[in-house]
N, C-alpha and C. Protein backbone atom coordinates (compact mmCIF):
# COMPACT_ATOMS: atom_id res chain seq x y z
N MET A 1 -5.83 1.95 4.25
CA MET A 1 -7.06 2.52 3.76
C MET A 1 -7.60 1.73 2.57
N PHE A 2 -6.75 0.93 1.92
CA PHE A 2 -7.19 0.16 0.75
C PHE A 2 -6.92 -1.32 0.97
N GLU A 3 -7.75 -2.13 0.35
CA GLU A 3 -7.62 -3.58 0.44
C GLU A 3 -7.84 -4.17 -0.96
N VAL A 4 -6.97 -5.09 -1.34
CA VAL A 4 -7.12 -5.74 -2.65
C VAL A 4 -8.46 -6.47 -2.67
N SER A 5 -9.18 -6.28 -3.76
CA SER A 5 -10.54 -6.78 -3.84
C SER A 5 -10.84 -7.32 -5.23
N SER A 6 -11.81 -8.22 -5.30
CA SER A 6 -12.24 -8.73 -6.61
C SER A 6 -13.18 -7.73 -7.30
N SER A 7 -13.60 -6.69 -6.57
CA SER A 7 -14.47 -5.67 -7.16
C SER A 7 -13.62 -4.57 -7.81
N ASN A 8 -14.28 -3.59 -8.38
CA ASN A 8 -13.57 -2.45 -8.99
C ASN A 8 -12.94 -1.58 -7.92
N SER A 9 -11.91 -0.86 -8.30
CA SER A 9 -11.23 0.05 -7.38
C SER A 9 -12.10 1.25 -7.06
N ASP A 10 -11.87 1.82 -5.89
CA ASP A 10 -12.51 3.08 -5.54
C ASP A 10 -12.11 4.14 -6.57
N ALA A 11 -12.91 5.17 -6.71
CA ALA A 11 -12.71 6.19 -7.74
C ALA A 11 -11.33 6.85 -7.69
N ILE A 12 -10.76 7.04 -6.51
CA ILE A 12 -9.45 7.69 -6.44
C ILE A 12 -8.37 6.84 -7.09
N ILE A 13 -8.43 5.53 -6.91
CA ILE A 13 -7.47 4.62 -7.53
C ILE A 13 -7.78 4.49 -9.02
N ALA A 14 -9.04 4.35 -9.35
CA ALA A 14 -9.43 4.23 -10.76
C ALA A 14 -8.97 5.45 -11.55
N GLY A 15 -8.99 6.62 -10.93
CA GLY A 15 -8.54 7.84 -11.59
C GLY A 15 -7.04 7.86 -11.87
N LEU A 16 -6.29 7.09 -11.11
CA LEU A 16 -4.83 7.00 -11.30
C LEU A 16 -4.45 6.01 -12.40
N SER A 17 -5.28 5.01 -12.61
CA SER A 17 -4.95 3.88 -13.48
C SER A 17 -4.45 4.27 -14.86
N SER A 18 -5.12 5.22 -15.49
CA SER A 18 -4.73 5.57 -16.87
C SER A 18 -3.40 6.32 -16.92
N SER A 19 -2.92 6.83 -15.79
CA SER A 19 -1.67 7.60 -15.78
C SER A 19 -0.48 6.80 -15.29
N LEU A 20 -0.69 5.58 -14.82
CA LEU A 20 0.40 4.80 -14.22
C LEU A 20 1.55 4.56 -15.19
N SER A 21 1.26 4.25 -16.43
CA SER A 21 2.34 3.97 -17.38
C SER A 21 3.20 5.21 -17.63
N LYS A 22 2.65 6.39 -17.44
CA LYS A 22 3.38 7.63 -17.66
C LYS A 22 4.35 7.95 -16.54
N ILE A 23 4.17 7.33 -15.37
CA ILE A 23 5.04 7.63 -14.24
C ILE A 23 5.91 6.44 -13.84
N ALA A 24 6.04 5.48 -14.73
CA ALA A 24 6.82 4.28 -14.42
C ALA A 24 8.31 4.58 -14.23
N THR A 25 8.81 5.62 -14.87
CA THR A 25 10.22 6.00 -14.74
C THR A 25 10.36 7.00 -13.59
N PRO A 26 11.26 6.75 -12.63
CA PRO A 26 11.45 7.68 -11.52
C PRO A 26 11.69 9.11 -12.02
N GLY A 27 11.03 10.06 -11.38
CA GLY A 27 11.18 11.46 -11.74
C GLY A 27 10.21 11.94 -12.80
N SER A 28 9.48 11.01 -13.42
CA SER A 28 8.52 11.41 -14.46
C SER A 28 7.25 11.96 -13.81
N ARG A 29 6.49 12.69 -14.61
CA ARG A 29 5.26 13.32 -14.11
C ARG A 29 4.14 13.09 -15.10
N ALA A 30 2.92 13.18 -14.60
CA ALA A 30 1.74 13.06 -15.46
C ALA A 30 0.64 13.94 -14.89
N THR A 31 -0.09 14.57 -15.78
CA THR A 31 -1.24 15.35 -15.38
C THR A 31 -2.48 14.47 -15.50
N ILE A 32 -3.29 14.48 -14.47
CA ILE A 32 -4.54 13.73 -14.49
C ILE A 32 -5.62 14.74 -14.86
N ALA A 33 -6.08 14.64 -16.09
CA ALA A 33 -6.96 15.66 -16.68
C ALA A 33 -8.14 16.03 -15.80
N ARG A 34 -8.81 15.07 -15.27
CA ARG A 34 -10.01 15.36 -14.46
C ARG A 34 -9.70 15.44 -12.97
N GLY A 35 -8.45 15.33 -12.60
CA GLY A 35 -8.09 15.34 -11.19
C GLY A 35 -8.45 14.02 -10.53
N LEU A 36 -8.30 13.97 -9.23
CA LEU A 36 -8.62 12.77 -8.47
C LEU A 36 -9.93 12.96 -7.72
N ASP A 37 -10.73 11.93 -7.68
CA ASP A 37 -12.03 11.97 -7.01
C ASP A 37 -11.86 11.46 -5.58
N PHE A 38 -11.87 12.38 -4.63
CA PHE A 38 -11.67 12.04 -3.22
C PHE A 38 -12.98 11.76 -2.48
N ARG A 39 -14.10 11.78 -3.17
CA ARG A 39 -15.39 11.62 -2.48
C ARG A 39 -15.50 10.30 -1.73
N GLY A 40 -15.02 9.21 -2.32
CA GLY A 40 -15.07 7.91 -1.64
C GLY A 40 -14.20 7.90 -0.40
N VAL A 41 -13.02 8.52 -0.49
CA VAL A 41 -12.12 8.59 0.67
C VAL A 41 -12.76 9.42 1.77
N GLN A 42 -13.31 10.58 1.41
CA GLN A 42 -13.94 11.45 2.40
C GLN A 42 -15.13 10.75 3.08
N ALA A 43 -15.94 10.07 2.28
CA ALA A 43 -17.10 9.37 2.84
C ALA A 43 -16.65 8.25 3.77
N LYS A 44 -15.60 7.53 3.39
CA LYS A 44 -15.10 6.43 4.22
C LYS A 44 -14.57 6.95 5.55
N ILE A 45 -13.83 8.04 5.53
CA ILE A 45 -13.30 8.62 6.76
C ILE A 45 -14.44 9.09 7.66
N ALA A 46 -15.45 9.68 7.06
CA ALA A 46 -16.59 10.20 7.83
C ALA A 46 -17.44 9.09 8.44
N SER A 47 -17.47 7.91 7.79
CA SER A 47 -18.39 6.86 8.24
C SER A 47 -17.71 5.67 8.91
N SER A 48 -16.41 5.63 8.95
CA SER A 48 -15.70 4.46 9.47
C SER A 48 -15.03 4.76 10.80
N ASN A 49 -14.83 3.71 11.59
CA ASN A 49 -14.03 3.85 12.79
C ASN A 49 -12.58 4.03 12.38
N ILE A 50 -11.88 4.93 13.03
CA ILE A 50 -10.47 5.19 12.75
C ILE A 50 -9.64 4.49 13.83
N LEU A 51 -8.71 3.67 13.42
CA LEU A 51 -7.83 2.95 14.34
C LEU A 51 -6.46 3.60 14.32
N GLN A 52 -5.75 3.55 15.43
CA GLN A 52 -4.44 4.19 15.55
C GLN A 52 -3.45 3.19 16.14
N TYR A 53 -2.24 3.19 15.60
CA TYR A 53 -1.17 2.41 16.20
C TYR A 53 0.17 3.07 15.92
N SER A 54 1.15 2.74 16.74
CA SER A 54 2.50 3.26 16.56
C SER A 54 3.33 2.23 15.83
N GLY A 55 4.23 2.70 14.98
CA GLY A 55 5.07 1.79 14.22
C GLY A 55 6.28 2.50 13.68
N SER A 56 6.74 2.06 12.52
CA SER A 56 7.91 2.67 11.90
C SER A 56 7.69 2.75 10.40
N LEU A 57 8.47 3.60 9.75
CA LEU A 57 8.40 3.72 8.30
C LEU A 57 8.89 2.42 7.67
N THR A 58 8.36 2.09 6.51
CA THR A 58 8.74 0.84 5.84
C THR A 58 9.83 1.05 4.80
N THR A 59 10.29 2.27 4.64
CA THR A 59 11.39 2.57 3.73
C THR A 59 12.48 3.28 4.50
N PRO A 60 13.72 3.16 4.08
CA PRO A 60 14.81 3.82 4.80
C PRO A 60 14.52 5.30 4.99
N PRO A 61 14.75 5.82 6.14
CA PRO A 61 15.55 5.31 7.24
C PRO A 61 14.81 4.42 8.23
N CYS A 62 13.59 3.96 7.91
CA CYS A 62 12.80 3.08 8.77
C CYS A 62 12.62 3.66 10.18
N ALA A 63 12.44 4.97 10.24
CA ALA A 63 12.30 5.68 11.51
C ALA A 63 11.14 5.12 12.31
N GLU A 64 11.35 5.04 13.62
CA GLU A 64 10.31 4.57 14.52
C GLU A 64 9.53 5.75 15.08
N GLY A 65 8.50 5.46 15.84
CA GLY A 65 7.71 6.52 16.47
C GLY A 65 6.71 7.17 15.52
N VAL A 66 6.32 6.47 14.46
CA VAL A 66 5.35 6.99 13.51
C VAL A 66 3.96 6.56 13.97
N THR A 67 3.01 7.48 13.96
CA THR A 67 1.64 7.15 14.31
C THR A 67 0.86 6.92 13.03
N PHE A 68 0.26 5.74 12.91
CA PHE A 68 -0.54 5.39 11.75
C PHE A 68 -2.02 5.48 12.11
N LEU A 69 -2.80 6.05 11.22
CA LEU A 69 -4.25 6.11 11.37
C LEU A 69 -4.84 5.34 10.20
N ILE A 70 -5.67 4.37 10.48
CA ILE A 70 -6.27 3.56 9.42
C ILE A 70 -7.78 3.45 9.66
N VAL A 71 -8.51 3.23 8.59
CA VAL A 71 -9.95 3.01 8.73
C VAL A 71 -10.21 1.53 8.95
N LYS A 72 -11.21 1.24 9.73
CA LYS A 72 -11.53 -0.16 10.05
C LYS A 72 -11.98 -0.92 8.80
N ASP A 73 -12.75 -0.27 7.95
CA ASP A 73 -13.26 -0.91 6.74
C ASP A 73 -12.63 -0.24 5.52
N PRO A 74 -11.62 -0.86 4.92
CA PRO A 74 -10.88 -0.22 3.82
C PRO A 74 -11.67 -0.10 2.52
N LEU A 75 -11.19 0.77 1.65
CA LEU A 75 -11.73 0.95 0.31
C LEU A 75 -11.14 -0.11 -0.61
N PRO A 76 -11.86 -0.51 -1.65
CA PRO A 76 -11.34 -1.55 -2.55
C PRO A 76 -10.33 -1.02 -3.57
N VAL A 77 -9.35 -1.85 -3.87
CA VAL A 77 -8.45 -1.64 -5.01
C VAL A 77 -8.45 -2.96 -5.76
N SER A 78 -8.75 -2.91 -7.05
CA SER A 78 -8.85 -4.14 -7.84
C SER A 78 -7.48 -4.81 -7.95
N VAL A 79 -7.50 -6.09 -8.20
CA VAL A 79 -6.25 -6.84 -8.37
C VAL A 79 -5.44 -6.24 -9.52
N ARG A 80 -6.11 -5.90 -10.61
CA ARG A 80 -5.44 -5.32 -11.79
C ARG A 80 -4.74 -4.00 -11.41
N ASP A 81 -5.45 -3.12 -10.71
CA ASP A 81 -4.86 -1.84 -10.31
C ASP A 81 -3.73 -2.05 -9.29
N PHE A 82 -3.93 -2.97 -8.35
CA PHE A 82 -2.89 -3.26 -7.36
C PHE A 82 -1.61 -3.71 -8.05
N ASN A 83 -1.73 -4.64 -8.98
CA ASN A 83 -0.55 -5.15 -9.69
C ASN A 83 0.12 -4.06 -10.52
N ALA A 84 -0.67 -3.18 -11.12
CA ALA A 84 -0.09 -2.08 -11.92
C ALA A 84 0.68 -1.12 -11.02
N ILE A 85 0.13 -0.82 -9.85
CA ILE A 85 0.82 0.07 -8.90
C ILE A 85 2.07 -0.61 -8.36
N LYS A 86 1.95 -1.88 -8.01
CA LYS A 86 3.10 -2.62 -7.47
C LYS A 86 4.24 -2.71 -8.49
N LYS A 87 3.90 -2.80 -9.76
CA LYS A 87 4.92 -2.86 -10.82
C LYS A 87 5.78 -1.60 -10.81
N ILE A 88 5.18 -0.48 -10.45
CA ILE A 88 5.91 0.79 -10.40
C ILE A 88 6.61 0.96 -9.06
N VAL A 89 5.91 0.70 -7.96
CA VAL A 89 6.47 0.89 -6.62
C VAL A 89 7.53 -0.18 -6.34
N LYS A 90 7.31 -1.38 -6.83
CA LYS A 90 8.24 -2.51 -6.84
C LYS A 90 8.43 -3.25 -5.52
N PHE A 91 8.76 -2.60 -4.44
CA PHE A 91 9.10 -3.36 -3.24
C PHE A 91 8.80 -2.57 -1.98
N ASN A 92 8.91 -3.27 -0.87
CA ASN A 92 8.82 -2.68 0.45
C ASN A 92 10.16 -3.00 1.12
N SER A 93 10.82 -2.01 1.66
CA SER A 93 12.16 -2.20 2.24
C SER A 93 12.15 -3.00 3.53
N ARG A 94 11.01 -3.19 4.09
CA ARG A 94 10.93 -3.88 5.36
C ARG A 94 10.85 -5.39 5.14
N PHE A 95 11.54 -6.15 5.98
CA PHE A 95 11.47 -7.61 5.90
C PHE A 95 10.05 -8.07 6.21
N ILE A 96 9.61 -9.14 5.56
CA ILE A 96 8.33 -9.75 5.89
C ILE A 96 8.46 -10.28 7.31
N GLN A 97 7.44 -10.06 8.12
CA GLN A 97 7.52 -10.48 9.50
C GLN A 97 6.91 -11.87 9.67
N ASN A 98 7.52 -12.64 10.57
CA ASN A 98 7.04 -13.98 10.80
C ASN A 98 5.72 -13.95 11.59
N THR A 99 5.00 -15.06 11.53
CA THR A 99 3.78 -15.21 12.29
C THR A 99 4.12 -15.18 13.77
N LEU A 100 3.29 -14.51 14.55
CA LEU A 100 3.53 -14.42 15.98
C LEU A 100 3.72 -15.80 16.58
N GLY A 101 4.86 -16.00 17.24
CA GLY A 101 5.17 -17.29 17.85
C GLY A 101 5.83 -18.27 16.90
N GLY A 102 5.91 -17.93 15.62
CA GLY A 102 6.51 -18.83 14.64
C GLY A 102 8.02 -18.67 14.57
N GLU A 103 8.65 -19.49 13.75
CA GLU A 103 10.10 -19.39 13.58
C GLU A 103 10.47 -18.04 12.97
N ASN A 104 11.62 -17.52 13.34
CA ASN A 104 12.09 -16.25 12.82
C ASN A 104 12.40 -16.40 11.34
N ILE A 105 11.72 -15.61 10.53
CA ILE A 105 11.83 -15.73 9.08
C ILE A 105 13.25 -15.41 8.58
N LEU A 106 13.97 -14.53 9.26
CA LEU A 106 15.35 -14.22 8.87
C LEU A 106 16.28 -15.40 9.13
N ALA A 107 16.02 -16.10 10.25
CA ALA A 107 16.83 -17.29 10.55
C ALA A 107 16.56 -18.39 9.53
N ILE A 108 15.31 -18.54 9.14
CA ILE A 108 14.96 -19.55 8.13
C ILE A 108 15.64 -19.21 6.80
N GLY A 109 15.59 -17.93 6.41
CA GLY A 109 16.23 -17.50 5.16
C GLY A 109 17.74 -17.71 5.20
N GLY A 110 18.35 -17.42 6.35
CA GLY A 110 19.80 -17.59 6.49
C GLY A 110 20.21 -19.04 6.40
N ALA A 111 19.38 -19.93 6.93
CA ALA A 111 19.70 -21.36 6.93
C ALA A 111 19.46 -21.98 5.57
N SER A 112 18.62 -21.35 4.76
CA SER A 112 18.28 -21.96 3.47
C SER A 112 19.46 -22.00 2.49
N GLY A 113 20.44 -21.13 2.69
CA GLY A 113 21.59 -21.10 1.80
C GLY A 113 22.66 -22.12 2.16
N SER A 114 22.52 -22.72 3.33
CA SER A 114 23.54 -23.69 3.76
C SER A 114 22.95 -25.09 3.77
N ALA A 115 23.71 -26.02 3.28
CA ALA A 115 23.24 -27.40 3.31
C ALA A 115 24.38 -28.35 3.13
């Protein structure tokens, strides 16, 4: 639903920005005084084509059979906000996937340690 952009973040992400430092520690909480502004999300869902695909969770237990619904035209998230969120979320448990038809990225990684 979101795509890193050189423009400003949609209002829902911008509303989170000031609270990110308060939730950097796992288990911590923060109150967002004005709440979150979902108007941009609602408008995007109402005006965009919705795409569907089957996949799996990206965090353990990495369960399969998950149905994902995404909008064709995502909302913007600024580079600054993306990096601030990534600093807290930190990682994705799923291996990066190789380009279709390319060398298997796990095999490349395994071979890199031997020489």
